[in-house]
Amino acid sequence: LLRTHKDMAFLSKKLATIKTDVPLS
């Protein structure tokens, strides 16, 4: 399952990752 859905796993991690460099100036 992990091998078949590798791209989706990394995409999911990217979607779940909160940005901490939003330009607030």
mmCIF file of all heavy atoms, coordinates in Angstrom:
data_MODEL
# 
_entry.id   MODEL 
# 
loop_
_atom_site.group_PDB 
_atom_site.id 
_atom_site.type_symbol 
_atom_site.label_atom_id 
_atom_site.label_alt_id 
_atom_site.label_comp_id 
_atom_site.label_asym_id 
_atom_site.label_entity_id 
_atom_site.label_seq_id 
_atom_site.pdbx_PDB_ins_code 
_atom_site.Cartn_x 
_atom_site.Cartn_y 
_atom_site.Cartn_z 
_atom_site.occupancy 
_atom_site.B_iso_or_equiv 
_atom_site.pdbx_formal_charge 
_atom_site.auth_seq_id 
_atom_site.auth_comp_id 
_atom_site.auth_asym_id 
_atom_site.auth_atom_id 
_atom_site.pdbx_PDB_model_num 
ATOM 1   N N   . LEU A 1 1  ? 0.840  -1.214 0.000  1.00 0.00 ? 1  LEU A N   1 
ATOM 2   C CA  . LEU A 1 1  ? 0.000  0.000  0.000  1.00 0.00 ? 1  LEU A CA  1 
ATOM 3   C C   . LEU A 1 1  ? 0.868  1.255  0.000  1.00 0.00 ? 1  LEU A C   1 
ATOM 4   O O   . LEU A 1 1  ? 0.595  2.222  -0.724 1.00 0.00 ? 1  LEU A O   1 
ATOM 5   C CB  . LEU A 1 1  ? -0.929 0.006  1.223  1.00 0.00 ? 1  LEU A CB  1 
ATOM 6   C CG  . LEU A 1 1  ? -2.114 -0.959 1.193  1.00 0.00 ? 1  LEU A CG  1 
ATOM 7   C CD1 . LEU A 1 1  ? -2.763 -1.058 2.569  1.00 0.00 ? 1  LEU A CD1 1 
ATOM 8   C CD2 . LEU A 1 1  ? -3.147 -0.485 0.162  1.00 0.00 ? 1  LEU A CD2 1 
ATOM 9   N N   . LEU A 1 2  ? 1.898  1.237  0.815  1.00 0.00 ? 2  LEU A N   1 
ATOM 10  C CA  . LEU A 1 2  ? 2.798  2.392  0.898  1.00 0.00 ? 2  LEU A CA  1 
ATOM 11  C C   . LEU A 1 2  ? 3.515  2.621  -0.433 1.00 0.00 ? 2  LEU A C   1 
ATOM 12  O O   . LEU A 1 2  ? 3.671  3.765  -0.883 1.00 0.00 ? 2  LEU A O   1 
ATOM 13  C CB  . LEU A 1 2  ? 3.818  2.163  2.016  1.00 0.00 ? 2  LEU A CB  1 
ATOM 14  C CG  . LEU A 1 2  ? 3.260  2.234  3.448  1.00 0.00 ? 2  LEU A CG  1 
ATOM 15  C CD1 . LEU A 1 2  ? 4.242  1.656  4.450  1.00 0.00 ? 2  LEU A CD1 1 
ATOM 16  C CD2 . LEU A 1 2  ? 2.933  3.686  3.807  1.00 0.00 ? 2  LEU A CD2 1 
ATOM 17  N N   . ARG A 1 3  ? 3.945  1.542  -1.055 1.00 0.00 ? 3  ARG A N   1 
ATOM 18  C CA  . ARG A 1 3  ? 4.651  1.665  -2.335 1.00 0.00 ? 3  ARG A CA  1 
ATOM 19  C C   . ARG A 1 3  ? 3.707  2.214  -3.416 1.00 0.00 ? 3  ARG A C   1 
ATOM 20  O O   . ARG A 1 3  ? 4.078  3.112  -4.182 1.00 0.00 ? 3  ARG A O   1 
ATOM 21  C CB  . ARG A 1 3  ? 5.196  0.301  -2.749 1.00 0.00 ? 3  ARG A CB  1 
ATOM 22  C CG  . ARG A 1 3  ? 6.008  0.349  -4.064 1.00 0.00 ? 3  ARG A CG  1 
ATOM 23  C CD  . ARG A 1 3  ? 6.572  -1.012 -4.438 1.00 0.00 ? 3  ARG A CD  1 
ATOM 24  N NE  . ARG A 1 3  ? 7.646  -1.413 -3.538 1.00 0.00 ? 3  ARG A NE  1 
ATOM 25  C CZ  . ARG A 1 3  ? 7.554  -2.379 -2.618 1.00 0.00 ? 3  ARG A CZ  1 
ATOM 26  N NH1 . ARG A 1 3  ? 6.420  -3.049 -2.493 1.00 0.00 ? 3  ARG A NH1 1 
ATOM 27  N NH2 . ARG A 1 3  ? 8.567  -2.682 -1.854 1.00 0.00 ? 3  ARG A NH2 1 
ATOM 28  N N   . THR A 1 4  ? 2.507  1.704  -3.455 1.00 0.00 ? 4  THR A N   1 
ATOM 29  C CA  . THR A 1 4  ? 1.539  2.109  -4.483 1.00 0.00 ? 4  THR A CA  1 
ATOM 30  C C   . THR A 1 4  ? 1.109  3.562  -4.332 1.00 0.00 ? 4  THR A C   1 
ATOM 31  O O   . THR A 1 4  ? 0.896  4.268  -5.325 1.00 0.00 ? 4  THR A O   1 
ATOM 32  C CB  . THR A 1 4  ? 0.290  1.201  -4.416 1.00 0.00 ? 4  THR A CB  1 
ATOM 33  O OG1 . THR A 1 4  ? 0.700  -0.155 -4.571 1.00 0.00 ? 4  THR A OG1 1 
ATOM 34  C CG2 . THR A 1 4  ? -0.704 1.560  -5.508 1.00 0.00 ? 4  THR A CG2 1 
ATOM 35  N N   . HIS A 1 5  ? 0.989  4.015  -3.090 1.00 0.00 ? 5  HIS A N   1 
ATOM 36  C CA  . HIS A 1 5  ? 0.422  5.352  -2.841 1.00 0.00 ? 5  HIS A CA  1 
ATOM 37  C C   . HIS A 1 5  ? 1.461  6.335  -2.283 1.00 0.00 ? 5  HIS A C   1 
ATOM 38  O O   . HIS A 1 5  ? 1.125  7.242  -1.524 1.00 0.00 ? 5  HIS A O   1 
ATOM 39  C CB  . HIS A 1 5  ? -0.766 5.240  -1.884 1.00 0.00 ? 5  HIS A CB  1 
ATOM 40  C CG  . HIS A 1 5  ? -1.867 4.370  -2.404 1.00 0.00 ? 5  HIS A CG  1 
ATOM 41  N ND1 . HIS A 1 5  ? -2.783 4.801  -3.342 1.00 0.00 ? 5  HIS A ND1 1 
ATOM 42  C CD2 . HIS A 1 5  ? -2.182 3.070  -2.128 1.00 0.00 ? 5  HIS A CD2 1 
ATOM 43  C CE1 . HIS A 1 5  ? -3.629 3.816  -3.608 1.00 0.00 ? 5  HIS A CE1 1 
ATOM 44  N NE2 . HIS A 1 5  ? -3.292 2.751  -2.895 1.00 0.00 ? 5  HIS A NE2 1 
ATOM 45  N N   . LYS A 1 6  ? 2.702  6.157  -2.707 1.00 0.00 ? 6  LYS A N   1 
ATOM 46  C CA  . LYS A 1 6  ? 3.781  7.024  -2.210 1.00 0.00 ? 6  LYS A CA  1 
ATOM 47  C C   . LYS A 1 6  ? 3.509  8.500  -2.513 1.00 0.00 ? 6  LYS A C   1 
ATOM 48  O O   . LYS A 1 6  ? 3.636  9.356  -1.630 1.00 0.00 ? 6  LYS A O   1 
ATOM 49  C CB  . LYS A 1 6  ? 5.108  6.597  -2.832 1.00 0.00 ? 6  LYS A CB  1 
ATOM 50  C CG  . LYS A 1 6  ? 6.279  7.481  -2.431 1.00 0.00 ? 6  LYS A CG  1 
ATOM 51  C CD  . LYS A 1 6  ? 7.588  7.018  -3.078 1.00 0.00 ? 6  LYS A CD  1 
ATOM 52  C CE  . LYS A 1 6  ? 8.735  7.955  -2.693 1.00 0.00 ? 6  LYS A CE  1 
ATOM 53  N NZ  . LYS A 1 6  ? 10.019 7.522  -3.305 1.00 0.00 ? 6  LYS A NZ  1 
ATOM 54  N N   . ASP A 1 7  ? 3.147  8.801  -3.744 1.00 0.00 ? 7  ASP A N   1 
ATOM 55  C CA  . ASP A 1 7  ? 2.926  10.203 -4.114 1.00 0.00 ? 7  ASP A CA  1 
ATOM 56  C C   . ASP A 1 7  ? 1.810  10.830 -3.269 1.00 0.00 ? 7  ASP A C   1 
ATOM 57  O O   . ASP A 1 7  ? 1.908  11.989 -2.842 1.00 0.00 ? 7  ASP A O   1 
ATOM 58  C CB  . ASP A 1 7  ? 2.560  10.313 -5.595 1.00 0.00 ? 7  ASP A CB  1 
ATOM 59  C CG  . ASP A 1 7  ? 3.749  9.999  -6.508 1.00 0.00 ? 7  ASP A CG  1 
ATOM 60  O OD1 . ASP A 1 7  ? 4.892  9.999  -5.995 1.00 0.00 ? 7  ASP A OD1 1 
ATOM 61  O OD2 . ASP A 1 7  ? 3.533  9.746  -7.707 1.00 0.00 ? 7  ASP A OD2 1 
ATOM 62  N N   . MET A 1 8  ? 0.769  10.058 -3.022 1.00 0.00 ? 8  MET A N   1 
ATOM 63  C CA  . MET A 1 8  ? -0.350 10.577 -2.245 1.00 0.00 ? 8  MET A CA  1 
ATOM 64  C C   . MET A 1 8  ? 0.053  10.800 -0.789 1.00 0.00 ? 8  MET A C   1 
ATOM 65  O O   . MET A 1 8  ? -0.415 11.734 -0.136 1.00 0.00 ? 8  MET A O   1 
ATOM 66  C CB  . MET A 1 8  ? -1.544 9.624  -2.334 1.00 0.00 ? 8  MET A CB  1 
ATOM 67  C CG  . MET A 1 8  ? -2.860 10.256 -1.918 1.00 0.00 ? 8  MET A CG  1 
ATOM 68  S SD  . MET A 1 8  ? -3.274 11.726 -2.894 1.00 0.00 ? 8  MET A SD  1 
ATOM 69  C CE  . MET A 1 8  ? -3.758 10.972 -4.449 1.00 0.00 ? 8  MET A CE  1 
ATOM 70  N N   . ALA A 1 9  ? 0.929  9.956  -0.282 1.00 0.00 ? 9  ALA A N   1 
ATOM 71  C CA  . ALA A 1 9  ? 1.395  10.110 1.102  1.00 0.00 ? 9  ALA A CA  1 
ATOM 72  C C   . ALA A 1 9  ? 2.153  11.425 1.275  1.00 0.00 ? 9  ALA A C   1 
ATOM 73  O O   . ALA A 1 9  ? 1.919  12.175 2.234  1.00 0.00 ? 9  ALA A O   1 
ATOM 74  C CB  . ALA A 1 9  ? 2.293  8.928  1.489  1.00 0.00 ? 9  ALA A CB  1 
ATOM 75  N N   . PHE A 1 10 ? 3.059  11.704 0.335  1.00 0.00 ? 10 PHE A N   1 
ATOM 76  C CA  . PHE A 1 10 ? 3.838  12.939 0.440  1.00 0.00 ? 10 PHE A CA  1 
ATOM 77  C C   . PHE A 1 10 ? 2.984  14.179 0.146  1.00 0.00 ? 10 PHE A C   1 
ATOM 78  O O   . PHE A 1 10 ? 3.187  15.237 0.744  1.00 0.00 ? 10 PHE A O   1 
ATOM 79  C CB  . PHE A 1 10 ? 5.066  12.875 -0.476 1.00 0.00 ? 10 PHE A CB  1 
ATOM 80  C CG  . PHE A 1 10 ? 6.189  12.087 0.114  1.00 0.00 ? 10 PHE A CG  1 
ATOM 81  C CD1 . PHE A 1 10 ? 6.399  10.757 -0.257 1.00 0.00 ? 10 PHE A CD1 1 
ATOM 82  C CD2 . PHE A 1 10 ? 7.031  12.650 1.058  1.00 0.00 ? 10 PHE A CD2 1 
ATOM 83  C CE1 . PHE A 1 10 ? 7.423  10.010 0.308  1.00 0.00 ? 10 PHE A CE1 1 
ATOM 84  C CE2 . PHE A 1 10 ? 8.070  11.917 1.622  1.00 0.00 ? 10 PHE A CE2 1 
ATOM 85  C CZ  . PHE A 1 10 ? 8.262  10.586 1.255  1.00 0.00 ? 10 PHE A CZ  1 
ATOM 86  N N   . LEU A 1 11 ? 2.014  14.036 -0.764 1.00 0.00 ? 11 LEU A N   1 
ATOM 87  C CA  . LEU A 1 11 ? 1.090  15.142 -0.999 1.00 0.00 ? 11 LEU A CA  1 
ATOM 88  C C   . LEU A 1 11 ? 0.276  15.419 0.273  1.00 0.00 ? 11 LEU A C   1 
ATOM 89  O O   . LEU A 1 11 ? 0.081  16.584 0.653  1.00 0.00 ? 11 LEU A O   1 
ATOM 90  C CB  . LEU A 1 11 ? 0.153  14.821 -2.156 1.00 0.00 ? 11 LEU A CB  1 
ATOM 91  C CG  . LEU A 1 11 ? -0.979 15.843 -2.407 1.00 0.00 ? 11 LEU A CG  1 
ATOM 92  C CD1 . LEU A 1 11 ? -0.403 17.199 -2.791 1.00 0.00 ? 11 LEU A CD1 1 
ATOM 93  C CD2 . LEU A 1 11 ? -1.938 15.334 -3.480 1.00 0.00 ? 11 LEU A CD2 1 
ATOM 94  N N   . SER A 1 12 ? -0.162 14.373 0.927  1.00 0.00 ? 12 SER A N   1 
ATOM 95  C CA  . SER A 1 12 ? -0.965 14.523 2.148  1.00 0.00 ? 12 SER A CA  1 
ATOM 96  C C   . SER A 1 12 ? -0.161 15.198 3.250  1.00 0.00 ? 12 SER A C   1 
ATOM 97  O O   . SER A 1 12 ? -0.684 16.049 3.983  1.00 0.00 ? 12 SER A O   1 
ATOM 98  C CB  . SER A 1 12 ? -1.459 13.150 2.619  1.00 0.00 ? 12 SER A CB  1 
ATOM 99  O OG  . SER A 1 12 ? -2.317 12.567 1.660  1.00 0.00 ? 12 SER A OG  1 
ATOM 100 N N   . LYS A 1 13 ? 1.104  14.831 3.357  1.00 0.00 ? 13 LYS A N   1 
ATOM 101 C CA  . LYS A 1 13 ? 1.952  15.477 4.357  1.00 0.00 ? 13 LYS A CA  1 
ATOM 102 C C   . LYS A 1 13 ? 2.103  16.969 4.049  1.00 0.00 ? 13 LYS A C   1 
ATOM 103 O O   . LYS A 1 13 ? 2.041  17.807 4.961  1.00 0.00 ? 13 LYS A O   1 
ATOM 104 C CB  . LYS A 1 13 ? 3.326  14.810 4.403  1.00 0.00 ? 13 LYS A CB  1 
ATOM 105 C CG  . LYS A 1 13 ? 4.271  15.474 5.404  1.00 0.00 ? 13 LYS A CG  1 
ATOM 106 C CD  . LYS A 1 13 ? 5.604  14.760 5.527  1.00 0.00 ? 13 LYS A CD  1 
ATOM 107 C CE  . LYS A 1 13 ? 6.502  15.489 6.527  1.00 0.00 ? 13 LYS A CE  1 
ATOM 108 N NZ  . LYS A 1 13 ? 7.784  14.781 6.775  1.00 0.00 ? 13 LYS A NZ  1 
ATOM 109 N N   . LYS A 1 14 ? 2.251  17.288 2.782  1.00 0.00 ? 14 LYS A N   1 
ATOM 110 C CA  . LYS A 1 14 ? 2.399  18.687 2.389  1.00 0.00 ? 14 LYS A CA  1 
ATOM 111 C C   . LYS A 1 14 ? 1.130  19.478 2.709  1.00 0.00 ? 14 LYS A C   1 
ATOM 112 O O   . LYS A 1 14 ? 1.192  20.611 3.190  1.00 0.00 ? 14 LYS A O   1 
ATOM 113 C CB  . LYS A 1 14 ? 2.717  18.771 0.888  1.00 0.00 ? 14 LYS A CB  1 
ATOM 114 C CG  . LYS A 1 14 ? 3.036  20.188 0.404  1.00 0.00 ? 14 LYS A CG  1 
ATOM 115 C CD  . LYS A 1 14 ? 3.477  20.165 -1.048 1.00 0.00 ? 14 LYS A CD  1 
ATOM 116 C CE  . LYS A 1 14 ? 3.862  21.568 -1.524 1.00 0.00 ? 14 LYS A CE  1 
ATOM 117 N NZ  . LYS A 1 14 ? 4.340  21.563 -2.941 1.00 0.00 ? 14 LYS A NZ  1 
ATOM 118 N N   . LEU A 1 15 ? -0.033 18.868 2.429  1.00 0.00 ? 15 LEU A N   1 
ATOM 119 C CA  . LEU A 1 15 ? -1.305 19.537 2.711  1.00 0.00 ? 15 LEU A CA  1 
ATOM 120 C C   . LEU A 1 15 ? -1.488 19.766 4.209  1.00 0.00 ? 15 LEU A C   1 
ATOM 121 O O   . LEU A 1 15 ? -2.076 20.766 4.626  1.00 0.00 ? 15 LEU A O   1 
ATOM 122 C CB  . LEU A 1 15 ? -2.471 18.702 2.167  1.00 0.00 ? 15 LEU A CB  1 
ATOM 123 C CG  . LEU A 1 15 ? -2.602 18.601 0.651  1.00 0.00 ? 15 LEU A CG  1 
ATOM 124 C CD1 . LEU A 1 15 ? -3.655 17.558 0.277  1.00 0.00 ? 15 LEU A CD1 1 
ATOM 125 C CD2 . LEU A 1 15 ? -2.964 19.956 0.034  1.00 0.00 ? 15 LEU A CD2 1 
ATOM 126 N N   . ALA A 1 16 ? -0.999 18.825 5.019  1.00 0.00 ? 16 ALA A N   1 
ATOM 127 C CA  . ALA A 1 16 ? -1.184 18.904 6.467  1.00 0.00 ? 16 ALA A CA  1 
ATOM 128 C C   . ALA A 1 16 ? -0.174 19.817 7.153  1.00 0.00 ? 16 ALA A C   1 
ATOM 129 O O   . ALA A 1 16 ? -0.363 20.195 8.312  1.00 0.00 ? 16 ALA A O   1 
ATOM 130 C CB  . ALA A 1 16 ? -1.103 17.505 7.071  1.00 0.00 ? 16 ALA A CB  1 
ATOM 131 N N   . THR A 1 17 ? 0.884  20.166 6.432  1.00 0.00 ? 17 THR A N   1 
ATOM 132 C CA  . THR A 1 17 ? 1.948  20.970 7.044  1.00 0.00 ? 17 THR A CA  1 
ATOM 133 C C   . THR A 1 17 ? 1.556  22.443 7.092  1.00 0.00 ? 17 THR A C   1 
ATOM 134 O O   . THR A 1 17 ? 1.235  23.063 6.074  1.00 0.00 ? 17 THR A O   1 
ATOM 135 C CB  . THR A 1 17 ? 3.268  20.816 6.267  1.00 0.00 ? 17 THR A CB  1 
ATOM 136 O OG1 . THR A 1 17 ? 3.643  19.432 6.279  1.00 0.00 ? 17 THR A OG1 1 
ATOM 137 C CG2 . THR A 1 17 ? 4.370  21.648 6.904  1.00 0.00 ? 17 THR A CG2 1 
ATOM 138 N N   . ILE A 1 18 ? 1.576  23.007 8.280  1.00 0.00 ? 18 ILE A N   1 
ATOM 139 C CA  . ILE A 1 18 ? 1.239  24.420 8.474  1.00 0.00 ? 18 ILE A CA  1 
ATOM 140 C C   . ILE A 1 18 ? 2.426  25.285 8.067  1.00 0.00 ? 18 ILE A C   1 
ATOM 141 O O   . ILE A 1 18 ? 3.569  25.029 8.470  1.00 0.00 ? 18 ILE A O   1 
ATOM 142 C CB  . ILE A 1 18 ? 0.867  24.680 9.951  1.00 0.00 ? 18 ILE A CB  1 
ATOM 143 C CG1 . ILE A 1 18 ? -0.457 23.973 10.286 1.00 0.00 ? 18 ILE A CG1 1 
ATOM 144 C CG2 . ILE A 1 18 ? 0.766  26.172 10.243 1.00 0.00 ? 18 ILE A CG2 1 
ATOM 145 C CD1 . ILE A 1 18 ? -0.825 24.021 11.753 1.00 0.00 ? 18 ILE A CD1 1 
ATOM 146 N N   . LYS A 1 19 ? 2.148  26.306 7.263  1.00 0.00 ? 19 LYS A N   1 
ATOM 147 C CA  . LYS A 1 19 ? 3.198  27.242 6.854  1.00 0.00 ? 19 LYS A CA  1 
ATOM 148 C C   . LYS A 1 19 ? 3.593  28.103 8.055  1.00 0.00 ? 19 LYS A C   1 
ATOM 149 O O   . LYS A 1 19 ? 2.741  28.531 8.830  1.00 0.00 ? 19 LYS A O   1 
ATOM 150 C CB  . LYS A 1 19 ? 2.701  28.152 5.720  1.00 0.00 ? 19 LYS A CB  1 
ATOM 151 C CG  . LYS A 1 19 ? 2.586  27.455 4.372  1.00 0.00 ? 19 LYS A CG  1 
ATOM 152 C CD  . LYS A 1 19 ? 2.032  28.398 3.312  1.00 0.00 ? 19 LYS A CD  1 
ATOM 153 C CE  . LYS A 1 19 ? 2.995  29.525 2.967  1.00 0.00 ? 19 LYS A CE  1 
ATOM 154 N NZ  . LYS A 1 19 ? 4.190  29.022 2.252  1.00 0.00 ? 19 LYS A NZ  1 
ATOM 155 N N   . THR A 1 20 ? 4.866  28.362 8.174  1.00 0.00 ? 20 THR A N   1 
ATOM 156 C CA  . THR A 1 20 ? 5.326  29.227 9.262  1.00 0.00 ? 20 THR A CA  1 
ATOM 157 C C   . THR A 1 20 ? 6.130  30.413 8.726  1.00 0.00 ? 20 THR A C   1 
ATOM 158 O O   . THR A 1 20 ? 6.894  31.041 9.455  1.00 0.00 ? 20 THR A O   1 
ATOM 159 C CB  . THR A 1 20 ? 6.195  28.425 10.261 1.00 0.00 ? 20 THR A CB  1 
ATOM 160 O OG1 . THR A 1 20 ? 7.304  27.837 9.556  1.00 0.00 ? 20 THR A OG1 1 
ATOM 161 C CG2 . THR A 1 20 ? 5.376  27.334 10.932 1.00 0.00 ? 20 THR A CG2 1 
ATOM 162 N N   . ASP A 1 21 ? 5.928  30.684 7.436  1.00 0.00 ? 21 ASP A N   1 
ATOM 163 C CA  . ASP A 1 21 ? 6.665  31.785 6.814  1.00 0.00 ? 21 ASP A CA  1 
ATOM 164 C C   . ASP A 1 21 ? 5.741  32.705 6.018  1.00 0.00 ? 21 ASP A C   1 
ATOM 165 O O   . ASP A 1 21 ? 6.130  33.271 4.994  1.00 0.00 ? 21 ASP A O   1 
ATOM 166 C CB  . ASP A 1 21 ? 7.773  31.239 5.907  1.00 0.00 ? 21 ASP A CB  1 
ATOM 167 C CG  . ASP A 1 21 ? 7.225  30.326 4.801  1.00 0.00 ? 21 ASP A CG  1 
ATOM 168 O OD1 . ASP A 1 21 ? 6.009  30.022 4.819  1.00 0.00 ? 21 ASP A OD1 1 
ATOM 169 O OD2 . ASP A 1 21 ? 8.010  29.923 3.918  1.00 0.00 ? 21 ASP A OD2 1 
ATOM 170 N N   . VAL A 1 22 ? 4.494  32.834 6.481  1.00 0.00 ? 22 VAL A N   1 
ATOM 171 C CA  . VAL A 1 22 ? 3.545  33.723 5.809  1.00 0.00 ? 22 VAL A CA  1 
ATOM 172 C C   . VAL A 1 22 ? 4.034  35.167 5.928  1.00 0.00 ? 22 VAL A C   1 
ATOM 173 O O   . VAL A 1 22 ? 4.375  35.616 7.036  1.00 0.00 ? 22 VAL A O   1 
ATOM 174 C CB  . VAL A 1 22 ? 2.139  33.593 6.434  1.00 0.00 ? 22 VAL A CB  1 
ATOM 175 C CG1 . VAL A 1 22 ? 1.180  34.604 5.823  1.00 0.00 ? 22 VAL A CG1 1 
ATOM 176 C CG2 . VAL A 1 22 ? 1.608  32.176 6.262  1.00 0.00 ? 22 VAL A CG2 1 
ATOM 177 N N   . PRO A 1 23 ? 4.100  35.928 4.837  1.00 0.00 ? 23 PRO A N   1 
ATOM 178 C CA  . PRO A 1 23 ? 4.536  37.332 4.939  1.00 0.00 ? 23 PRO A CA  1 
ATOM 179 C C   . PRO A 1 23 ? 3.489  38.176 5.665  1.00 0.00 ? 23 PRO A C   1 
ATOM 180 O O   . PRO A 1 23 ? 2.394  38.366 5.175  1.00 0.00 ? 23 PRO A O   1 
ATOM 181 C CB  . PRO A 1 23 ? 4.684  37.769 3.475  1.00 0.00 ? 23 PRO A CB  1 
ATOM 182 C CG  . PRO A 1 23 ? 3.836  36.813 2.693  1.00 0.00 ? 23 PRO A CG  1 
ATOM 183 C CD  . PRO A 1 23 ? 3.832  35.519 3.452  1.00 0.00 ? 23 PRO A CD  1 
ATOM 184 N N   . LEU A 1 24 ? 3.839  38.657 6.832  1.00 0.00 ? 24 LEU A N   1 
ATOM 185 C CA  . LEU A 1 24 ? 2.889  39.399 7.663  1.00 0.00 ? 24 LEU A CA  1 
ATOM 186 C C   . LEU A 1 24 ? 3.137  40.902 7.650  1.00 0.00 ? 24 LEU A C   1 
ATOM 187 O O   . LEU A 1 24 ? 2.413  41.652 8.294  1.00 0.00 ? 24 LEU A O   1 
ATOM 188 C CB  . LEU A 1 24 ? 2.971  38.905 9.112  1.00 0.00 ? 24 LEU A CB  1 
ATOM 189 C CG  . LEU A 1 24 ? 2.639  37.430 9.351  1.00 0.00 ? 24 LEU A CG  1 
ATOM 190 C CD1 . LEU A 1 24 ? 2.871  37.083 10.818 1.00 0.00 ? 24 LEU A CD1 1 
ATOM 191 C CD2 . LEU A 1 24 ? 1.197  37.130 8.967  1.00 0.00 ? 24 LEU A CD2 1 
ATOM 192 N N   . SER A 1 25 ? 4.149  41.330 6.912  1.00 0.00 ? 25 SER A N   1 
ATOM 193 C CA  . SER A 1 25 ? 4.547  42.739 6.982  1.00 0.00 ? 25 SER A CA  1 
ATOM 194 C C   . SER A 1 25 ? 3.429  43.689 6.598  1.00 0.00 ? 25 SER A C   1 
ATOM 195 O O   . SER A 1 25 ? 3.174  44.685 7.273  1.00 0.00 ? 25 SER A O   1 
ATOM 196 C CB  . SER A 1 25 ? 5.780  42.990 6.113  1.00 0.00 ? 25 SER A CB  1 
ATOM 197 O OG  . SER A 1 25 ? 5.527  42.556 4.783  1.00 0.00 ? 25 SER A OG  1 
# 
